[in-house]
Amino acid sequence: MEKVFLSACRGEPTPHTPIWLNRQAGRYMPEYHQVKGDTPSLDFFKNPEKAAKATLDAQRILGVDAAIMFADLLPIMEPMGLRLDYIPGAGPVFDNPIRSEIDVQSLINAPAEEATPYIAQTVKNILQDLPSDIALIGFAGAPFTLASYAIEGKGSRNYVFVKKMMYEQPLLWHQLLEKLVQQLVSYLHLQIEAGVEAVQIFDTWVGSLSVADFRVFVLPHLKKMLAQLKGRVPVIYFGTGNHHLLPEIAPLGFDVLAFDWRTPLAPTWDALGIPAVQGNLDPIVLCADQATVAKQSDQLLKSVADRPGHIFNLGHGIIPETPVDNVKFLVDFVHEQSAR
């Protein structure tokens, strides 16, 4: 059975616009809390049974066209030597951030099947119960975003330590990103071998860079990473606040570019000349009433006018305050409206 999500990734016509949602398995959903219980976040991400159940519950409840493996961007760096914890109210924290040449040299690269074996088991557990017409997406953080978390040690507004390293120690910066790319490629190959049918690269923090800095400090590493993944499964690239960088990213040849909510979807698609795009409803629309959800979604669908290669998604993740009924309404609306 052809999976509409995968057809859209290839820019092919589909009977309706496929839809899935960033953070579709998350804190807004009661079933998520039932599965997590009082399990610490890091243990939750590394538990193949619980992670698979969270993935499958979200797909089943929402009726989306793709499931995305439930995991987090950062545990990949724990076996590399970074001490990771998720602090309630503060989010993820590394208590030994990377600041020096010794820190970078100390990072360990190991095959993903040794470093993160739970990921392959999570994928296998999901596939046992995923409907045959639903695609499974794997994912990872992009090199820049992972490096930023590792250097800052936590969330950041100004990326002071990140940019200091880039500007003052460019060789060290490139050494760090080379190590991250090596680990990421192994990690994504492990997911693909376990059975994911597409992968999404999340570059949440890349919008903090100028075009000039992006070209020097990030582009070569993205290019190297993609070259080692290309042709196995569709690769989706998603950044936030990065509209100014998209003309640099498009020529790399990602199969799908996902846009944040600030990016004008149809005009940007036209300007970039790429086969497939994903996005990009403002996630806060889902906190409004259903008439607003319908109006905003309809405008987005009409802007692309049934053009093949559009995957409907949000321009960022679902926030915890979102009513579940609104998310279900959105999925049904997109399916019905785009099938007409």
Protein backbone atom coordinates (compact mmCIF):
# COMPACT_ATOMS: atom_id res chain seq x y z
CA MET A 1 0.00 0.00 0.00
CA GLU A 2 1.41 3.40 -1.00
CA LYS A 3 1.89 5.73 1.94
CA VAL A 4 0.65 9.23 1.15
CA PHE A 5 3.32 10.85 3.32
CA LEU A 6 6.14 9.18 1.36
CA SER A 7 4.51 10.07 -1.98
CA ALA A 8 4.39 13.72 -0.91
CA CYS A 9 8.07 13.58 0.14
CA ARG A 10 8.83 12.67 -3.48
CA GLY A 11 6.67 15.53 -4.79
CA GLU A 12 4.05 13.13 -6.21
CA PRO A 13 0.27 13.72 -6.30
CA THR A 14 -1.68 12.28 -3.35
CA PRO A 15 -5.43 11.70 -2.75
CA HIS A 16 -5.30 14.17 0.14
CA THR A 17 -2.66 16.39 1.73
CA PRO A 18 -0.78 14.25 4.26
CA ILE A 19 -0.48 15.66 7.76
CA TRP A 20 1.60 14.92 10.83
CA LEU A 21 2.61 17.31 13.60
CA ASN A 22 5.84 18.23 15.36
CA ARG A 23 5.63 17.02 18.97
CA GLN A 24 2.41 15.10 18.25
CA ALA A 25 3.26 12.80 21.17
CA GLY A 26 3.57 15.25 24.04
CA ARG A 27 2.43 16.77 27.29
CA TYR A 28 -0.87 18.12 25.87
CA MET A 29 -2.19 14.54 25.67
CA PRO A 30 -3.51 12.69 28.78
CA GLU A 31 -2.37 9.35 27.37
CA TYR A 32 1.20 10.66 27.27
CA HIS A 33 1.11 11.31 31.02
CA GLN A 34 -0.35 7.85 31.63
CA VAL A 35 2.56 6.25 29.76
CA LYS A 36 5.24 8.46 31.34
CA GLY A 37 3.90 8.34 34.89
CA ASP A 38 6.70 9.35 37.23
CA THR A 39 9.46 8.01 34.96
CA PRO A 40 12.31 10.57 34.73
CA SER A 41 12.47 12.13 31.25
CA LEU A 42 15.85 10.64 30.27
CA ASP A 43 14.71 7.15 31.29
CA PHE A 44 11.46 7.68 29.37
CA PHE A 45 13.31 8.52 26.14
CA LYS A 46 15.52 5.45 26.56
CA ASN A 47 12.70 3.00 27.33
CA PRO A 48 11.74 1.23 24.05
CA GLU A 49 8.38 -0.01 25.35
CA LYS A 50 7.20 3.34 26.73
CA ALA A 51 8.62 5.33 23.79
CA ALA A 52 6.88 3.04 21.29
CA LYS A 53 3.57 3.30 23.15
CA ALA A 54 3.77 7.13 23.22
CA THR A 55 4.47 7.12 19.46
CA LEU A 56 1.63 4.74 18.61
CA ASP A 57 -0.92 6.39 20.93
CA ALA A 58 -0.41 9.78 19.27
CA GLN A 59 -0.78 8.39 15.74
CA ARG A 60 -3.91 6.40 16.66
CA ILE A 61 -5.63 9.21 18.60
CA LEU A 62 -4.96 11.90 15.99
CA GLY A 63 -5.27 9.85 12.79
CA VAL A 64 -2.17 11.45 11.24
CA ASP A 65 -0.48 10.06 8.11
CA ALA A 66 2.90 9.52 9.77
CA ALA A 67 4.16 8.58 13.21
CA ILE A 68 7.41 10.10 14.46
CA MET A 69 9.55 8.02 16.77
CA PHE A 70 9.21 9.36 20.31
CA ALA A 71 12.67 10.41 21.51
CA ASP A 72 14.65 13.57 22.21
CA LEU A 73 17.47 15.34 20.38
CA LEU A 74 20.03 15.27 23.19
CA PRO A 75 20.51 11.72 24.58
CA ILE A 76 22.75 10.96 21.58
CA MET A 77 25.42 13.07 23.32
CA GLU A 78 25.29 11.23 26.64
CA PRO A 79 27.42 8.24 25.47
CA MET A 80 29.81 10.76 23.89
CA GLY A 81 30.70 11.86 27.43
CA LEU A 82 28.24 14.65 28.30
CA ARG A 83 26.29 14.40 31.55
CA LEU A 84 22.65 15.09 30.68
CA ASP A 85 19.70 15.69 32.96
CA TYR A 86 16.19 17.07 32.47
CA ILE A 87 15.41 19.52 35.26
CA PRO A 88 11.70 20.22 35.93
CA GLY A 89 11.00 23.84 34.96
CA ALA A 90 14.45 24.28 33.40
CA GLY A 91 14.59 21.62 30.69
CA PRO A 92 17.70 19.75 29.53
CA VAL A 93 21.02 20.61 31.16
CA PHE A 94 24.58 19.39 30.58
CA ASP A 95 26.61 19.93 33.74
CA ASN A 96 29.94 19.49 31.87
CA PRO A 97 29.49 21.74 28.82
CA ILE A 98 32.10 21.78 26.05
CA ARG A 99 34.29 24.88 26.38
CA SER A 100 37.89 23.83 25.62
CA GLU A 101 40.10 21.80 23.31
CA ILE A 102 40.37 19.06 25.95
CA ASP A 103 36.56 18.89 26.14
CA VAL A 104 36.29 18.35 22.38
CA GLN A 105 39.12 15.82 22.28
CA SER A 106 37.50 13.88 25.14
CA LEU A 107 34.27 13.30 23.20
CA ILE A 108 33.81 9.62 22.33
CA ASN A 109 32.53 8.41 18.97
CA ALA A 110 31.09 4.90 19.05
CA PRO A 111 28.84 3.02 16.60
CA ALA A 112 25.21 3.89 17.35
CA GLU A 113 24.28 0.25 17.94
CA GLU A 114 26.65 0.37 20.93
CA ALA A 115 26.03 3.98 22.01
CA THR A 116 22.22 4.15 21.62
CA PRO A 117 20.91 0.56 21.14
CA TYR A 118 17.51 1.44 22.63
CA ILE A 119 16.68 3.51 19.52
CA ALA A 120 16.66 0.48 17.22
CA GLN A 121 14.46 -1.42 19.66
CA THR A 122 12.03 1.52 19.91
CA VAL A 123 11.68 1.55 16.10
CA LYS A 124 11.09 -2.22 15.99
CA ASN A 125 8.48 -1.99 18.75
CA ILE A 126 6.63 0.78 16.89
CA LEU A 127 6.61 -1.12 13.60
CA GLN A 128 5.02 -4.17 15.23
CA ASP A 129 1.78 -2.23 15.77
CA LEU A 130 1.90 0.66 13.28
CA PRO A 131 -0.85 0.44 10.60
CA SER A 132 0.53 -0.60 7.21
CA ASP A 133 -0.52 2.63 5.48
CA ILE A 134 1.24 4.89 8.03
CA ALA A 135 4.87 5.96 7.57
CA LEU A 136 7.36 6.05 10.44
CA ILE A 137 9.71 9.05 10.70
CA GLY A 138 12.99 8.95 12.60
CA PHE A 139 14.91 12.06 13.56
CA ALA A 140 17.97 13.69 15.04
CA GLY A 141 19.23 17.13 15.96
CA ALA A 142 21.29 19.00 13.36
CA PRO A 143 25.03 19.43 14.05
CA PHE A 144 24.73 23.15 14.86
CA THR A 145 21.83 22.75 17.29
CA LEU A 146 23.49 19.83 19.11
CA ALA A 147 26.78 21.72 19.32
CA SER A 148 24.95 24.76 20.70
CA TYR A 149 23.29 22.78 23.49
CA ALA A 150 26.58 21.07 24.31
CA ILE A 151 28.56 24.32 24.46
CA GLU A 152 25.99 26.44 26.29
CA GLY A 153 25.03 23.55 28.58
CA LYS A 154 21.35 24.55 28.45
CA GLY A 155 18.89 26.71 26.53
CA SER A 156 20.22 30.10 25.47
CA ARG A 157 19.06 33.45 24.11
CA ASN A 158 22.34 34.92 22.95
CA TYR A 159 24.56 31.87 22.29
CA VAL A 160 27.53 33.64 23.86
CA PHE A 161 29.74 30.57 24.39
CA VAL A 162 28.75 29.11 21.00
CA LYS A 163 29.70 32.22 19.04
CA LYS A 164 32.83 32.82 21.10
CA MET A 165 34.09 29.37 20.09
CA MET A 166 33.10 29.88 16.45
CA TYR A 167 34.85 33.24 16.18
CA GLU A 168 37.86 32.71 18.48
CA GLN A 169 38.57 29.00 17.85
CA PRO A 170 37.20 28.12 14.42
CA LEU A 171 39.38 25.01 14.08
CA LEU A 172 38.08 23.69 17.40
CA TRP A 173 34.51 24.44 16.29
CA HIS A 174 35.00 22.43 13.09
CA GLN A 175 36.56 19.54 15.03
CA LEU A 176 33.51 19.47 17.31
CA LEU A 177 31.07 19.46 14.39
CA GLU A 178 33.01 16.73 12.61
CA LYS A 179 32.64 14.51 15.69
CA LEU A 180 28.93 15.30 15.91
CA VAL A 181 28.36 14.55 12.22
CA GLN A 182 30.11 11.19 12.61
CA GLN A 183 27.85 10.26 15.54
CA LEU A 184 24.70 11.59 13.85
CA VAL A 185 25.28 9.65 10.64
CA SER A 186 25.74 6.41 12.61
CA TYR A 187 22.62 7.19 14.68
CA LEU A 188 20.45 7.90 11.63
CA HIS A 189 21.72 4.84 9.76
CA LEU A 190 20.76 2.74 12.80
CA GLN A 191 17.22 4.15 12.68
CA ILE A 192 16.96 3.50 8.93
CA GLU A 193 18.25 -0.06 9.28
CA ALA A 194 15.69 -0.64 12.07
CA GLY A 195 12.91 0.44 9.70
CA VAL A 196 12.16 4.18 9.73
CA GLU A 197 11.01 5.36 6.28
CA ALA A 198 12.07 9.02 6.49
CA VAL A 199 14.18 11.12 8.85
CA GLN A 200 13.79 14.72 9.98
CA ILE A 201 16.77 16.86 10.98
CA PHE A 202 15.81 19.46 13.60
CA ASP A 203 17.90 22.66 13.52
CA THR A 204 16.03 24.57 16.19
CA TRP A 205 18.71 27.19 16.91
CA VAL A 206 20.18 27.80 13.46
CA GLY A 207 18.17 31.00 12.94
CA SER A 208 20.52 32.76 15.37
CA LEU A 209 23.22 32.85 12.67
CA SER A 210 23.88 35.35 9.91
CA VAL A 211 24.10 34.09 6.33
CA ALA A 212 27.87 34.64 6.33
CA ASP A 213 28.39 32.65 9.55
CA PHE A 214 26.07 29.89 8.37
CA ARG A 215 28.12 29.48 5.18
CA VAL A 216 31.41 29.18 7.05
CA PHE A 217 30.50 27.33 10.24
CA VAL A 218 27.50 25.14 9.40
CA LEU A 219 26.97 24.55 5.68
CA PRO A 220 30.01 22.28 5.11
CA HIS A 221 28.92 19.98 7.95
CA LEU A 222 25.28 19.79 6.83
CA LYS A 223 26.51 18.96 3.34
CA LYS A 224 28.79 16.21 4.63
CA MET A 225 26.02 14.71 6.78
CA LEU A 226 23.45 14.73 3.98
CA ALA A 227 25.88 13.15 1.52
CA GLN A 228 26.09 10.10 3.80
CA LEU A 229 22.30 9.78 4.12
CA LYS A 230 21.09 10.68 0.63
CA GLY A 231 19.19 8.05 -1.29
CA ARG A 232 18.31 5.74 1.60
CA VAL A 233 15.09 7.43 2.78
CA PRO A 234 13.64 10.94 2.34
CA VAL A 235 15.49 13.47 4.51
CA ILE A 236 13.52 16.46 5.87
CA TYR A 237 15.31 19.54 7.21
CA PHE A 238 13.52 21.80 9.68
CA GLY A 239 14.93 25.00 11.17
CA THR A 240 13.25 27.84 13.03
CA GLY A 241 13.82 31.55 12.44
CA ASN A 242 15.88 30.60 9.40
CA HIS A 243 13.97 32.15 6.48
CA HIS A 244 17.08 34.17 5.57
CA LEU A 245 19.12 30.96 5.34
CA LEU A 246 16.78 28.93 3.10
CA PRO A 247 18.42 30.06 -0.19
CA GLU A 248 21.69 28.60 1.20
CA ILE A 249 20.03 25.38 2.39
CA ALA A 250 17.89 24.56 -0.66
CA PRO A 251 20.81 23.74 -3.02
CA LEU A 252 22.09 21.07 -0.61
CA GLY A 253 19.36 18.76 -1.86
CA PHE A 254 17.29 17.79 1.16
CA ASP A 255 14.22 15.89 -0.07
CA VAL A 256 11.84 18.10 1.91
CA LEU A 257 12.33 21.52 3.51
CA ALA A 258 10.09 22.22 6.50
CA PHE A 259 9.28 25.86 7.23
CA ASP A 260 8.56 27.58 10.52
CA TRP A 261 5.34 29.60 10.88
CA ARG A 262 7.02 32.91 10.02
CA THR A 263 8.00 31.76 6.52
CA PRO A 264 5.47 32.54 3.72
CA LEU A 265 4.90 28.98 2.50
CA ALA A 266 3.83 29.25 -1.14
CA PRO A 267 6.06 32.20 -2.17
CA THR A 268 9.10 30.60 -0.52
CA TRP A 269 8.36 27.27 -2.20
CA ASP A 270 8.16 29.05 -5.56
CA ALA A 271 11.36 31.00 -4.94
CA LEU A 272 13.40 27.96 -3.87
CA GLY A 273 12.17 25.68 -6.67
CA ILE A 274 12.22 22.55 -4.51
CA PRO A 275 10.02 19.46 -5.03
CA ALA A 276 8.48 19.14 -1.55
CA VAL A 277 7.82 21.32 1.49
CA GLN A 278 6.37 20.79 4.95
CA GLY A 279 4.48 23.19 7.17
CA ASN A 280 3.65 25.57 8.49
CA LEU A 281 0.61 26.53 10.60
CA ASP A 282 1.44 28.63 13.66
CA PRO A 283 1.11 26.09 16.55
CA ILE A 284 -0.65 28.71 18.69
CA VAL A 285 -3.58 28.67 16.24
CA LEU A 286 -4.46 25.33 17.86
CA CYS A 287 -5.09 27.16 21.15
CA ALA A 288 -7.86 29.24 19.51
CA ASP A 289 -11.40 28.04 18.74
CA GLN A 290 -12.08 25.49 16.02
CA ALA A 291 -13.52 28.10 13.65
CA THR A 292 -10.11 29.83 13.75
CA VAL A 293 -8.28 26.52 13.25
CA ALA A 294 -10.44 25.86 10.17
CA LYS A 295 -9.99 29.37 8.76
CA GLN A 296 -6.21 29.47 9.18
CA SER A 297 -5.75 25.92 7.86
CA ASP A 298 -7.99 26.59 4.87
CA GLN A 299 -5.96 29.69 3.97
CA LEU A 300 -2.76 27.65 4.08
CA LEU A 301 -4.22 24.85 1.93
CA LYS A 302 -5.58 27.36 -0.60
CA SER A 303 -2.21 29.12 -0.80
CA VAL A 304 -0.62 25.94 -2.22
CA ALA A 305 -3.72 25.06 -4.28
CA ASP A 306 -3.39 21.24 -4.15
CA ARG A 307 0.15 21.40 -5.49
CA PRO A 308 1.83 17.97 -5.14
CA GLY A 309 4.60 17.78 -2.56
CA HIS A 310 2.97 19.63 0.33
CA ILE A 311 3.01 17.93 3.74
CA PHE A 312 0.82 19.76 6.26
CA ASN A 313 2.47 20.37 9.63
CA LEU A 314 2.92 23.08 12.22
CA GLY A 315 5.68 25.68 12.02
CA HIS A 316 6.97 24.39 15.39
CA GLY A 317 5.84 21.86 18.01
CA ILE A 318 2.46 21.49 19.75
CA ILE A 319 2.60 23.31 23.10
CA PRO A 320 1.36 21.68 26.34
CA GLU A 321 -1.66 24.02 26.67
CA THR A 322 -3.15 22.85 23.34
CA PRO A 323 -6.64 21.22 23.52
CA VAL A 324 -6.45 17.66 22.14
CA ASP A 325 -9.84 18.07 20.43
CA ASN A 326 -8.45 20.97 18.39
CA VAL A 327 -5.56 18.82 17.18
CA LYS A 328 -7.95 16.04 16.11
CA PHE A 329 -10.15 18.66 14.43
CA LEU A 330 -7.16 20.00 12.47
CA VAL A 331 -6.20 16.54 11.17
CA ASP A 332 -9.77 15.76 10.08
CA PHE A 333 -10.17 19.20 8.51
CA VAL A 334 -6.97 18.92 6.43
CA HIS A 335 -7.91 15.42 5.25
CA GLU A 336 -11.46 16.40 4.26
CA GLN A 337 -10.69 19.80 2.79
CA SER A 338 -7.73 18.62 0.70
CA ALA A 339 -9.58 15.56 -0.62
CA ARG A 340 -12.37 17.70 -2.17
